[in-house]
Amino acid sequence: MACHETVSCPRCNKCFECRVGSILRCQCQAVTLTEEERQHINENYSSCLCANCLRAMKADYKQHRFRQRINRLFSLFGKR
């Protein structure tokens, strides 16, 4: 990939400038992700996402984890 390349987001198809050559200036730096969130995104997409989709995927992951925790709590109370 070149230093700056216009790419299409695989999630929303919006074009954005990927700055892999100067990553600190890339649009993705606006979104802070945990290692778990990064792993979740990498399980679904193999290429760069736009910042809006990164934010949406981050929110999706948080909802997913919340539902998992709620289900775990319900299963604990159901065993009593």
C-alpha atoms as a PDB file:
ATOM      1  CA  MET A   1       0.000   0.000   0.000  1.00  0.00           C
ATOM      2  CA  ALA A   2       1.307   3.479  -0.806  1.00  0.00           C
ATOM      3  CA  CYS A   3       1.873   6.138   1.856  1.00  0.00           C
ATOM      4  CA  HIS A   4      -1.537   7.654   1.145  1.00  0.00           C
ATOM      5  CA  GLU A   5      -4.180   5.762  -0.706  1.00  0.00           C
ATOM      6  CA  THR A   6      -7.860   6.367  -1.339  1.00  0.00           C
ATOM      7  CA  VAL A   7      -9.675   3.178  -0.392  1.00  0.00           C
ATOM      8  CA  SER A   8     -13.265   2.064  -0.027  1.00  0.00           C
ATOM      9  CA  CYS A   9     -14.464   0.996   3.414  1.00  0.00           C
ATOM     10  CA  PRO A  10     -15.482  -2.683   3.199  1.00  0.00           C
ATOM     11  CA  ARG A  11     -18.345  -2.101   5.654  1.00  0.00           C
ATOM     12  CA  CYS A  12     -20.069   1.005   4.232  1.00  0.00           C
ATOM     13  CA  ASN A  13     -18.314   1.434   0.847  1.00  0.00           C
ATOM     14  CA  LYS A  14     -17.466   5.071   1.671  1.00  0.00           C
ATOM     15  CA  CYS A  15     -14.139   6.255   0.200  1.00  0.00           C
ATOM     16  CA  PHE A  16     -11.527   7.590   2.591  1.00  0.00           C
ATOM     17  CA  GLU A  17      -7.829   8.312   2.596  1.00  0.00           C
ATOM     18  CA  CYS A  18      -5.783   5.618   4.300  1.00  0.00           C
ATOM     19  CA  ARG A  19      -2.469   6.985   5.547  1.00  0.00           C
ATOM     20  CA  VAL A  20      -0.637   3.815   6.439  1.00  0.00           C
ATOM     21  CA  GLY A  21       2.643   5.589   5.613  1.00  0.00           C
ATOM     22  CA  SER A  22       1.972   8.214   8.301  1.00  0.00           C
ATOM     23  CA  ILE A  23      -0.389   6.315  10.585  1.00  0.00           C
ATOM     24  CA  LEU A  24      -0.477   9.045  13.232  1.00  0.00           C
ATOM     25  CA  ARG A  25      -2.210  11.296  10.672  1.00  0.00           C
ATOM     26  CA  CYS A  26      -4.665   8.627   9.501  1.00  0.00           C
ATOM     27  CA  GLN A  27      -8.395   9.075  10.123  1.00  0.00           C
ATOM     28  CA  CYS A  28      -8.503   5.831  12.094  1.00  0.00           C
ATOM     29  CA  GLN A  29      -6.414   7.389  14.869  1.00  0.00           C
ATOM     30  CA  ALA A  30      -9.534   9.282  15.967  1.00  0.00           C
ATOM     31  CA  VAL A  31     -10.957   5.989  17.301  1.00  0.00           C
ATOM     32  CA  THR A  32      -9.352   4.353  20.321  1.00  0.00           C
ATOM     33  CA  LEU A  33      -9.837   0.583  20.400  1.00  0.00           C
ATOM     34  CA  THR A  34      -9.021  -2.012  23.019  1.00  0.00           C
ATOM     35  CA  GLU A  35      -7.211  -5.168  21.964  1.00  0.00           C
ATOM     36  CA  GLU A  36     -10.499  -7.094  22.260  1.00  0.00           C
ATOM     37  CA  GLU A  37     -12.287  -4.575  20.028  1.00  0.00           C
ATOM     38  CA  ARG A  38      -9.473  -4.819  17.460  1.00  0.00           C
ATOM     39  CA  GLN A  39      -9.724  -8.596  17.493  1.00  0.00           C
ATOM     40  CA  HIS A  40     -13.515  -8.431  17.021  1.00  0.00           C
ATOM     41  CA  ILE A  41     -13.107  -6.121  14.014  1.00  0.00           C
ATOM     42  CA  ASN A  42     -10.332  -8.297  12.546  1.00  0.00           C
ATOM     43  CA  GLU A  43     -12.617 -11.339  12.796  1.00  0.00           C
ATOM     44  CA  ASN A  44     -15.084  -9.575  10.505  1.00  0.00           C
ATOM     45  CA  TYR A  45     -12.912  -7.428   8.232  1.00  0.00           C
ATOM     46  CA  SER A  46      -9.397  -7.901   6.908  1.00  0.00           C
ATOM     47  CA  SER A  47      -8.808  -4.392   5.586  1.00  0.00           C
ATOM     48  CA  CYS A  48      -9.058  -0.839   6.903  1.00  0.00           C
ATOM     49  CA  LEU A  49     -12.413   0.619   7.914  1.00  0.00           C
ATOM     50  CA  CYS A  50     -13.394   4.284   7.928  1.00  0.00           C
ATOM     51  CA  ALA A  51     -13.516   6.028  11.306  1.00  0.00           C
ATOM     52  CA  ASN A  52     -17.341   6.008  11.364  1.00  0.00           C
ATOM     53  CA  CYS A  53     -17.438   2.249  10.865  1.00  0.00           C
ATOM     54  CA  LEU A  54     -14.725   1.746  13.475  1.00  0.00           C
ATOM     55  CA  ARG A  55     -16.903   3.654  15.943  1.00  0.00           C
ATOM     56  CA  ALA A  56     -19.947   1.589  14.965  1.00  0.00           C
ATOM     57  CA  MET A  57     -18.015  -1.685  15.290  1.00  0.00           C
ATOM     58  CA  LYS A  58     -16.734  -0.554  18.694  1.00  0.00           C
ATOM     59  CA  ALA A  59     -20.331   0.103  19.810  1.00  0.00           C
ATOM     60  CA  ASP A  60     -21.456  -3.261  18.383  1.00  0.00           C
ATOM     61  CA  TYR A  61     -18.728  -5.029  20.329  1.00  0.00           C
ATOM     62  CA  LYS A  62     -19.709  -3.259  23.565  1.00  0.00           C
ATOM     63  CA  GLN A  63     -23.338  -4.332  23.046  1.00  0.00           C
ATOM     64  CA  HIS A  64     -22.251  -7.886  22.295  1.00  0.00           C
ATOM     65  CA  ARG A  65     -20.140  -8.050  25.479  1.00  0.00           C
ATOM     66  CA  PHE A  66     -22.980  -6.540  27.529  1.00  0.00           C
ATOM     67  CA  ARG A  67     -25.417  -9.183  26.245  1.00  0.00           C
ATOM     68  CA  GLN A  68     -22.893 -11.910  27.067  1.00  0.00           C
ATOM     69  CA  ARG A  69     -22.563 -10.628  30.634  1.00  0.00           C
ATOM     70  CA  ILE A  70     -26.336 -10.372  31.072  1.00  0.00           C
ATOM     71  CA  ASN A  71     -26.800 -13.914  29.762  1.00  0.00           C
ATOM     72  CA  ARG A  72     -24.122 -15.150  32.133  1.00  0.00           C
ATOM     73  CA  LEU A  73     -25.896 -13.478  35.059  1.00  0.00           C
ATOM     74  CA  PHE A  74     -29.236 -14.970  34.054  1.00  0.00           C
ATOM     75  CA  SER A  75     -27.684 -18.420  33.797  1.00  0.00           C
ATOM     76  CA  LEU A  76     -26.165 -18.045  37.274  1.00  0.00           C
ATOM     77  CA  PHE A  77     -29.500 -17.039  38.812  1.00  0.00           C
ATOM     78  CA  GLY A  78     -31.318 -19.745  36.887  1.00  0.00           C
ATOM     79  CA  LYS A  79     -29.153 -22.462  38.474  1.00  0.00           C
ATOM     80  CA  ARG A  80     -30.212 -21.592  42.026  1.00  0.00           C
END
